[in-house]
N, C-alpha and C. Protein backbone atom coordinates (compact mmCIF):
# COMPACT_ATOMS: atom_id res chain seq x y z
N MET A 1 17.95 -30.91 -3.07
CA MET A 1 18.07 -29.47 -3.15
C MET A 1 17.46 -28.81 -1.91
N LYS A 2 16.29 -29.31 -1.49
CA LYS A 2 15.64 -28.75 -0.32
C LYS A 2 16.53 -28.91 0.91
N GLU A 3 17.16 -30.06 1.03
CA GLU A 3 18.03 -30.29 2.18
C GLU A 3 19.23 -29.36 2.17
N LEU A 4 19.77 -29.10 0.99
CA LEU A 4 20.91 -28.20 0.87
C LEU A 4 20.53 -26.77 1.27
N ILE A 5 19.38 -26.32 0.81
CA ILE A 5 18.93 -24.97 1.16
C ILE A 5 18.66 -24.86 2.64
N LEU A 6 18.01 -25.88 3.21
CA LEU A 6 17.73 -25.84 4.64
C LEU A 6 19.01 -25.96 5.47
N LYS A 7 20.00 -26.65 4.93
CA LYS A 7 21.29 -26.77 5.63
C LYS A 7 21.99 -25.41 5.66
N ARG A 8 21.85 -24.64 4.61
CA ARG A 8 22.47 -23.32 4.51
C ARG A 8 21.44 -22.20 4.74
N GLU A 9 20.46 -22.49 5.56
CA GLU A 9 19.35 -21.56 5.76
C GLU A 9 19.80 -20.19 6.23
N ARG A 10 20.75 -20.13 7.14
CA ARG A 10 21.21 -18.85 7.68
C ARG A 10 21.85 -17.97 6.61
N VAL A 11 22.52 -18.58 5.66
CA VAL A 11 23.13 -17.81 4.57
C VAL A 11 22.05 -17.17 3.71
N PHE A 12 21.04 -17.96 3.33
CA PHE A 12 19.96 -17.43 2.51
C PHE A 12 19.14 -16.39 3.28
N HIS A 13 18.95 -16.62 4.56
CA HIS A 13 18.23 -15.68 5.40
C HIS A 13 18.99 -14.35 5.47
N PHE A 14 20.29 -14.43 5.67
CA PHE A 14 21.12 -13.23 5.73
C PHE A 14 21.12 -12.47 4.41
N LEU A 15 21.21 -13.19 3.29
CA LEU A 15 21.19 -12.54 1.98
C LEU A 15 19.84 -11.86 1.70
N SER A 16 18.76 -12.49 2.09
CA SER A 16 17.44 -11.89 1.90
C SER A 16 17.29 -10.63 2.74
N LEU A 17 17.73 -10.70 3.98
CA LEU A 17 17.67 -9.51 4.84
C LEU A 17 18.60 -8.42 4.32
N GLY A 18 19.73 -8.81 3.75
CA GLY A 18 20.64 -7.84 3.15
C GLY A 18 20.02 -7.13 1.96
N LEU A 19 19.26 -7.86 1.15
CA LEU A 19 18.56 -7.23 0.03
C LEU A 19 17.51 -6.24 0.51
N ILE A 20 16.79 -6.62 1.55
CA ILE A 20 15.78 -5.72 2.09
C ILE A 20 16.44 -4.46 2.64
N ALA A 21 17.55 -4.63 3.34
CA ALA A 21 18.26 -3.46 3.87
C ALA A 21 18.85 -2.61 2.75
N ALA A 22 19.35 -3.23 1.71
CA ALA A 22 19.94 -2.48 0.59
C ALA A 22 18.88 -1.67 -0.16
N SER A 23 17.65 -2.15 -0.15
CA SER A 23 16.59 -1.42 -0.86
C SER A 23 16.31 -0.07 -0.21
N LEU A 24 16.67 0.09 1.05
CA LEU A 24 16.46 1.37 1.73
C LEU A 24 17.34 2.47 1.16
N PHE A 25 18.49 2.12 0.61
CA PHE A 25 19.47 3.11 0.17
C PHE A 25 19.41 3.42 -1.31
N LEU A 26 18.50 2.79 -2.04
CA LEU A 26 18.37 3.05 -3.47
C LEU A 26 17.49 4.26 -3.71
N LYS A 27 17.80 5.01 -4.76
CA LYS A 27 17.03 6.22 -5.09
C LYS A 27 15.90 5.93 -6.07
N ASP A 28 16.16 5.07 -7.05
CA ASP A 28 15.16 4.77 -8.07
C ASP A 28 14.03 3.93 -7.46
N PRO A 29 12.78 4.40 -7.55
CA PRO A 29 11.68 3.68 -6.92
C PRO A 29 11.42 2.29 -7.51
N VAL A 30 11.65 2.13 -8.79
CA VAL A 30 11.42 0.81 -9.40
C VAL A 30 12.47 -0.18 -8.91
N GLN A 31 13.72 0.24 -8.86
CA GLN A 31 14.76 -0.63 -8.32
C GLN A 31 14.51 -0.94 -6.85
N LYS A 32 14.08 0.08 -6.12
CA LYS A 32 13.83 -0.09 -4.69
C LYS A 32 12.76 -1.14 -4.44
N ILE A 33 11.65 -1.07 -5.14
CA ILE A 33 10.56 -2.01 -4.92
C ILE A 33 10.95 -3.40 -5.43
N THR A 34 11.72 -3.46 -6.51
CA THR A 34 12.15 -4.75 -7.04
C THR A 34 13.06 -5.48 -6.06
N ILE A 35 14.04 -4.77 -5.52
CA ILE A 35 14.96 -5.39 -4.57
C ILE A 35 14.22 -5.78 -3.29
N LEU A 36 13.31 -4.94 -2.85
CA LEU A 36 12.52 -5.24 -1.65
C LEU A 36 11.69 -6.50 -1.84
N ILE A 37 11.02 -6.61 -2.99
CA ILE A 37 10.18 -7.78 -3.27
C ILE A 37 11.04 -9.04 -3.38
N VAL A 38 12.22 -8.94 -3.99
CA VAL A 38 13.10 -10.11 -4.11
C VAL A 38 13.56 -10.57 -2.73
N GLY A 39 13.88 -9.63 -1.86
CA GLY A 39 14.27 -9.98 -0.49
C GLY A 39 13.14 -10.66 0.27
N ILE A 40 11.94 -10.12 0.13
CA ILE A 40 10.78 -10.74 0.81
C ILE A 40 10.49 -12.11 0.21
N LEU A 41 10.65 -12.25 -1.10
CA LEU A 41 10.45 -13.56 -1.73
C LEU A 41 11.44 -14.60 -1.21
N GLY A 42 12.68 -14.18 -0.95
CA GLY A 42 13.66 -15.10 -0.38
C GLY A 42 13.24 -15.59 0.99
N LEU A 43 12.77 -14.67 1.83
CA LEU A 43 12.28 -15.06 3.15
C LEU A 43 11.03 -15.93 3.05
N LEU A 44 10.17 -15.60 2.10
CA LEU A 44 8.96 -16.39 1.87
C LEU A 44 9.31 -17.80 1.44
N PHE A 45 10.27 -17.93 0.55
CA PHE A 45 10.71 -19.25 0.06
C PHE A 45 11.25 -20.10 1.21
N LEU A 46 12.05 -19.49 2.08
CA LEU A 46 12.58 -20.23 3.23
C LEU A 46 11.48 -20.67 4.17
N SER A 47 10.51 -19.80 4.41
CA SER A 47 9.43 -20.18 5.32
C SER A 47 8.53 -21.25 4.71
N ILE A 48 8.40 -21.26 3.39
CA ILE A 48 7.63 -22.33 2.75
C ILE A 48 8.36 -23.66 2.89
N LEU A 49 9.68 -23.65 2.70
CA LEU A 49 10.45 -24.88 2.84
C LEU A 49 10.42 -25.43 4.27
N LYS A 50 10.37 -24.52 5.24
CA LYS A 50 10.34 -24.93 6.64
C LYS A 50 8.92 -25.19 7.14
N LYS A 51 7.94 -24.98 6.27
CA LYS A 51 6.53 -25.21 6.56
C LYS A 51 6.05 -24.38 7.75
N GLN A 52 6.38 -23.11 7.73
CA GLN A 52 5.94 -22.18 8.76
C GLN A 52 4.80 -21.34 8.18
N LYS A 53 3.58 -21.78 8.42
CA LYS A 53 2.41 -21.18 7.78
C LYS A 53 2.19 -19.73 8.18
N ILE A 54 2.41 -19.41 9.43
CA ILE A 54 2.16 -18.04 9.88
C ILE A 54 3.16 -17.09 9.22
N LEU A 55 4.41 -17.48 9.13
CA LEU A 55 5.39 -16.62 8.47
C LEU A 55 5.10 -16.46 6.99
N VAL A 56 4.56 -17.48 6.35
CA VAL A 56 4.18 -17.37 4.95
C VAL A 56 3.15 -16.27 4.79
N TRP A 57 2.15 -16.26 5.65
CA TRP A 57 1.11 -15.22 5.57
C TRP A 57 1.68 -13.84 5.88
N VAL A 58 2.58 -13.77 6.85
CA VAL A 58 3.18 -12.47 7.19
C VAL A 58 3.97 -11.92 6.00
N TYR A 59 4.76 -12.77 5.36
CA TYR A 59 5.55 -12.31 4.21
C TYR A 59 4.67 -11.96 3.01
N LEU A 60 3.58 -12.69 2.82
CA LEU A 60 2.65 -12.35 1.74
C LEU A 60 2.00 -10.99 1.99
N VAL A 61 1.62 -10.73 3.24
CA VAL A 61 1.03 -9.44 3.58
C VAL A 61 2.05 -8.32 3.40
N LEU A 62 3.31 -8.55 3.81
CA LEU A 62 4.36 -7.56 3.62
C LEU A 62 4.60 -7.27 2.14
N MET A 63 4.59 -8.30 1.33
CA MET A 63 4.81 -8.11 -0.10
C MET A 63 3.65 -7.33 -0.72
N ALA A 64 2.44 -7.67 -0.34
CA ALA A 64 1.28 -6.95 -0.86
C ALA A 64 1.29 -5.50 -0.36
N GLY A 65 1.66 -5.30 0.88
CA GLY A 65 1.76 -3.95 1.42
C GLY A 65 2.79 -3.11 0.71
N ALA A 66 3.92 -3.70 0.38
CA ALA A 66 4.96 -2.97 -0.35
C ALA A 66 4.47 -2.59 -1.74
N ALA A 67 3.79 -3.50 -2.42
CA ALA A 67 3.28 -3.20 -3.76
C ALA A 67 2.19 -2.12 -3.71
N ILE A 68 1.32 -2.19 -2.72
CA ILE A 68 0.26 -1.19 -2.61
C ILE A 68 0.84 0.18 -2.26
N ALA A 69 1.80 0.21 -1.34
CA ALA A 69 2.43 1.48 -0.98
C ALA A 69 3.15 2.09 -2.17
N PHE A 70 3.83 1.25 -2.96
CA PHE A 70 4.51 1.74 -4.16
C PHE A 70 3.51 2.33 -5.14
N TYR A 71 2.40 1.65 -5.33
CA TYR A 71 1.38 2.15 -6.25
C TYR A 71 0.79 3.47 -5.77
N LEU A 72 0.47 3.54 -4.49
CA LEU A 72 -0.14 4.76 -3.96
C LEU A 72 0.82 5.95 -4.00
N MET A 73 2.10 5.71 -3.78
CA MET A 73 3.07 6.79 -3.79
C MET A 73 3.31 7.32 -5.19
N HIS A 74 3.16 6.47 -6.19
CA HIS A 74 3.56 6.84 -7.54
C HIS A 74 2.43 6.75 -8.56
N LYS A 75 1.19 6.74 -8.12
CA LYS A 75 0.11 6.63 -9.09
C LYS A 75 -0.06 7.90 -9.93
N ASP A 76 0.34 9.04 -9.38
CA ASP A 76 0.25 10.28 -10.15
C ASP A 76 1.45 10.50 -11.06
N ASN A 77 2.54 9.82 -10.80
CA ASN A 77 3.76 9.98 -11.58
C ASN A 77 3.81 8.88 -12.63
N SER A 78 3.29 9.14 -13.81
CA SER A 78 3.22 8.11 -14.85
C SER A 78 4.55 7.90 -15.57
N ALA A 79 5.56 8.71 -15.27
CA ALA A 79 6.87 8.57 -15.92
C ALA A 79 7.59 7.31 -15.44
N ILE A 80 7.22 6.78 -14.27
CA ILE A 80 7.88 5.58 -13.74
C ILE A 80 7.52 4.36 -14.58
N PHE A 81 6.25 4.27 -14.96
CA PHE A 81 5.81 3.11 -15.72
C PHE A 81 5.95 3.41 -17.16
């Protein structure tokens, strides 16, 4: 399975970047953060399979930053949760 994913790495990379780009055009904040996190998780998964430690840390920081920014933007709006 790992070999198959690494063989088709560009397809998975493109799909993950497409999810990240698509999250920019969504209006609902919960959908936006969900799609963004899924896209970052796809990139994180690929970097783990390729054993790229620095990219793993970069994607983890990006994911944490997205979650923190979402919380800070919507902590006063309790209707979202």
